[in-house]
């Protein structure tokens, strides 16, 4: 399934079969991969961008930091080799652009290490880049705006599709 098909699957909230031989073909990754508090946060933040599925935020959180559980540099403190920080791996300038307004439960001042702040900032970035549109290519473009890699887009959309299949819309 290509990027357009994966994006359509996520935009359509799981329409279509699981990915052949991929993430969606075996045991559901979602139930064990996403801590319940993070899943609730992804759902709440996605609701701030009509048309954005929580599954896209969850997939980005999984890819970037194992939903904030990674001990890699930059997840809990400091920065990784590229300068990214926090569970959603924001560059400081990008986080500053999308950090406000502070969502309920967020840190004051906003922090890229605070899961609430980071997930809501990710939702704002994706929404500003077109993730909330009904157009599947808009979602792929938004994920590409988050991380400029076609392989990253493919990985995030495949995982998001698997999450929708496993957990529902």
Protein backbone atom coordinates (compact mmCIF):
# COMPACT_ATOMS: atom_id res chain seq x y z
CA UNK A 1 0.00 0.00 0.00
CA UNK A 2 1.45 3.38 -0.98
CA UNK A 3 1.48 6.62 0.97
CA UNK A 4 -1.83 7.71 -0.52
CA UNK A 5 -3.46 4.41 0.46
CA UNK A 6 -2.06 4.58 3.98
CA UNK A 7 -3.16 8.17 4.37
CA UNK A 8 -6.61 7.32 3.02
CA UNK A 9 -6.83 4.49 5.52
CA UNK A 10 -6.08 6.85 8.41
CA UNK A 11 -8.23 9.69 7.04
CA UNK A 12 -11.03 7.15 6.56
CA UNK A 13 -10.47 6.03 10.16
CA UNK A 14 -9.40 2.55 9.29
CA UNK A 15 -11.25 1.88 6.07
CA UNK A 16 -9.63 -0.96 4.20
CA UNK A 17 -7.80 -4.11 5.20
CA UNK A 18 -4.80 -4.32 7.52
CA UNK A 19 -1.41 -3.93 5.89
CA UNK A 20 -0.23 -7.14 4.28
CA UNK A 21 2.77 -8.52 6.13
CA UNK A 22 3.23 -5.27 8.02
CA UNK A 23 2.27 -3.74 11.31
CA UNK A 24 -1.45 -4.31 10.83
CA UNK A 25 -1.18 -7.95 9.80
CA UNK A 26 -0.41 -9.63 13.12
CA UNK A 27 -0.95 -8.93 16.77
CA UNK A 28 -2.18 -5.43 17.47
CA UNK A 29 0.75 -3.22 18.44
CA UNK A 30 -1.41 -0.50 19.97
CA UNK A 31 -2.64 -2.03 23.20
CA UNK A 32 0.86 -2.60 24.53
CA UNK A 33 2.74 0.22 22.81
CA UNK A 34 0.80 3.21 24.10
CA UNK A 35 0.49 3.92 27.83
CA UNK A 36 -3.17 4.67 28.66
CA UNK A 37 -2.37 8.21 29.82
CA UNK A 38 -0.66 8.92 26.48
CA UNK A 39 -3.51 7.39 24.47
CA UNK A 40 -5.98 9.66 26.28
CA UNK A 41 -3.71 12.63 25.61
CA UNK A 42 -3.41 11.79 21.89
CA UNK A 43 -7.21 11.58 21.65
CA UNK A 44 -7.72 14.90 23.47
CA UNK A 45 -5.12 16.74 21.39
CA UNK A 46 -6.43 15.32 18.10
CA UNK A 47 -9.87 16.70 18.96
CA UNK A 48 -8.36 20.19 18.77
CA UNK A 49 -7.89 19.67 15.01
CA UNK A 50 -11.10 18.44 13.38
CA UNK A 51 -10.23 15.62 10.99
CA UNK A 52 -6.91 14.68 12.65
CA UNK A 53 -6.90 11.13 13.99
CA UNK A 54 -5.41 10.43 17.40
CA UNK A 55 -3.66 7.53 15.68
CA UNK A 56 -1.37 9.89 13.76
CA UNK A 57 -0.24 11.56 16.98
CA UNK A 58 0.18 8.14 18.60
CA UNK A 59 2.25 6.91 15.67
CA UNK A 60 4.50 9.97 15.81
CA UNK A 61 4.88 9.56 19.57
CA UNK A 62 5.76 5.90 19.11
CA UNK A 63 8.31 6.56 16.37
CA UNK A 64 9.88 9.56 18.08
CA UNK A 65 10.18 8.34 21.67
CA UNK A 66 8.22 5.15 22.33
CA UNK A 67 5.47 7.43 23.64
CA UNK A 68 7.81 9.23 25.99
CA UNK A 69 9.22 6.07 27.58
CA UNK A 70 12.54 6.05 25.73
CA UNK A 71 15.70 6.80 27.67
CA UNK A 72 17.45 8.09 24.54
CA UNK A 73 19.08 11.53 24.73
CA UNK A 74 16.59 14.35 24.31
CA UNK A 75 13.45 12.53 25.38
CA UNK A 76 13.42 13.25 29.13
CA UNK A 77 16.01 16.05 29.15
CA UNK A 78 18.67 17.61 26.97
CA UNK A 79 18.58 17.20 23.20
CA UNK A 80 19.38 14.46 20.74
CA UNK A 81 22.12 14.80 18.11
CA UNK A 82 19.79 16.80 15.86
CA UNK A 83 18.80 19.16 18.69
CA UNK A 84 15.31 17.69 19.17
CA UNK A 85 13.69 17.63 22.60
CA UNK A 86 10.89 15.86 24.43
CA UNK A 87 8.53 12.98 23.71
CA UNK A 88 7.49 14.42 20.34
CA UNK A 89 11.10 15.43 19.49
CA UNK A 90 10.68 19.11 18.68
CA UNK A 91 13.43 21.46 17.65
CA UNK A 92 13.26 24.40 20.10
CA UNK A 93 12.18 26.99 17.51
CA UNK A 94 9.45 24.73 16.14
CA UNK A 95 8.14 23.97 19.61
CA UNK A 96 8.07 27.68 20.45
CA UNK A 97 5.99 28.32 17.32
CA UNK A 98 3.31 25.76 18.24
CA UNK A 99 3.45 25.65 22.08
CA UNK A 100 0.78 28.25 22.79
CA UNK A 101 -1.85 28.34 24.11
CA UNK A 102 -0.89 26.07 26.99
CA UNK A 103 -3.48 23.28 27.11
CA UNK A 104 -5.18 22.24 30.35
CA UNK A 105 -2.66 20.24 32.36
CA UNK A 106 0.30 21.70 30.49
CA UNK A 107 3.41 23.22 32.03
CA UNK A 108 3.83 26.95 32.56
CA UNK A 109 5.90 28.04 30.78
CA UNK A 110 5.34 25.42 28.08
CA UNK A 111 7.97 22.70 27.91
CA UNK A 112 8.80 20.31 25.07
CA UNK A 113 9.43 17.68 27.78
CA UNK A 114 5.91 17.99 29.16
CA UNK A 115 3.83 15.35 27.35
CA UNK A 116 0.69 17.52 27.30
CA UNK A 117 2.51 20.51 25.85
CA UNK A 118 4.41 18.40 23.33
CA UNK A 119 1.41 16.42 22.05
CA UNK A 120 -0.78 19.52 21.69
CA UNK A 121 2.05 21.34 19.90
CA UNK A 122 2.35 18.38 17.54
CA UNK A 123 -1.39 18.49 16.86
CA UNK A 124 -1.17 22.24 16.13
CA UNK A 125 1.77 21.75 13.75
CA UNK A 126 0.03 18.93 11.90
CA UNK A 127 -3.22 20.88 11.71
CA UNK A 128 -1.46 23.98 10.37
CA UNK A 129 0.18 21.76 7.74
CA UNK A 130 -3.18 20.37 6.56
CA UNK A 131 -3.63 17.15 8.56
CA UNK A 132 -7.25 17.98 9.34
CA UNK A 133 -8.32 18.06 5.70
CA UNK A 134 -10.40 15.24 4.29
CA UNK A 135 -7.78 14.90 1.56
CA UNK A 136 -5.47 11.94 2.22
CA UNK A 137 -2.57 13.70 0.54
CA UNK A 138 -3.00 16.55 3.05
CA UNK A 139 -2.26 14.15 5.88
CA UNK A 140 0.84 12.80 4.16
CA UNK A 141 2.05 16.37 3.51
CA UNK A 142 1.44 17.29 7.14
CA UNK A 143 3.45 14.32 8.41
CA UNK A 144 6.19 15.24 5.93
CA UNK A 145 6.15 18.77 7.38
CA UNK A 146 6.72 17.21 10.80
CA UNK A 147 9.74 15.23 9.58
CA UNK A 148 11.05 15.72 6.05
CA UNK A 149 11.50 12.05 5.18
CA UNK A 150 9.34 9.94 2.89
CA UNK A 151 10.34 6.85 4.88
CA UNK A 152 9.16 8.60 8.07
CA UNK A 153 5.80 9.42 6.45
CA UNK A 154 5.39 5.79 5.38
CA UNK A 155 6.28 4.52 8.86
CA UNK A 156 3.96 6.93 10.68
CA UNK A 157 1.01 6.32 8.36
CA UNK A 158 1.42 2.54 8.51
CA UNK A 159 1.56 2.59 12.29
CA UNK A 160 -1.39 4.99 12.49
CA UNK A 161 -3.42 2.68 10.28
CA UNK A 162 -2.55 -0.25 12.54
CA UNK A 163 -3.61 1.74 15.62
CA UNK A 164 -6.98 2.59 14.07
CA UNK A 165 -7.46 -1.08 13.17
CA UNK A 166 -6.53 -2.20 16.69
CA UNK A 167 -8.16 0.53 18.77
CA UNK A 168 -10.87 1.91 16.51
CA UNK A 169 -11.46 5.49 15.51
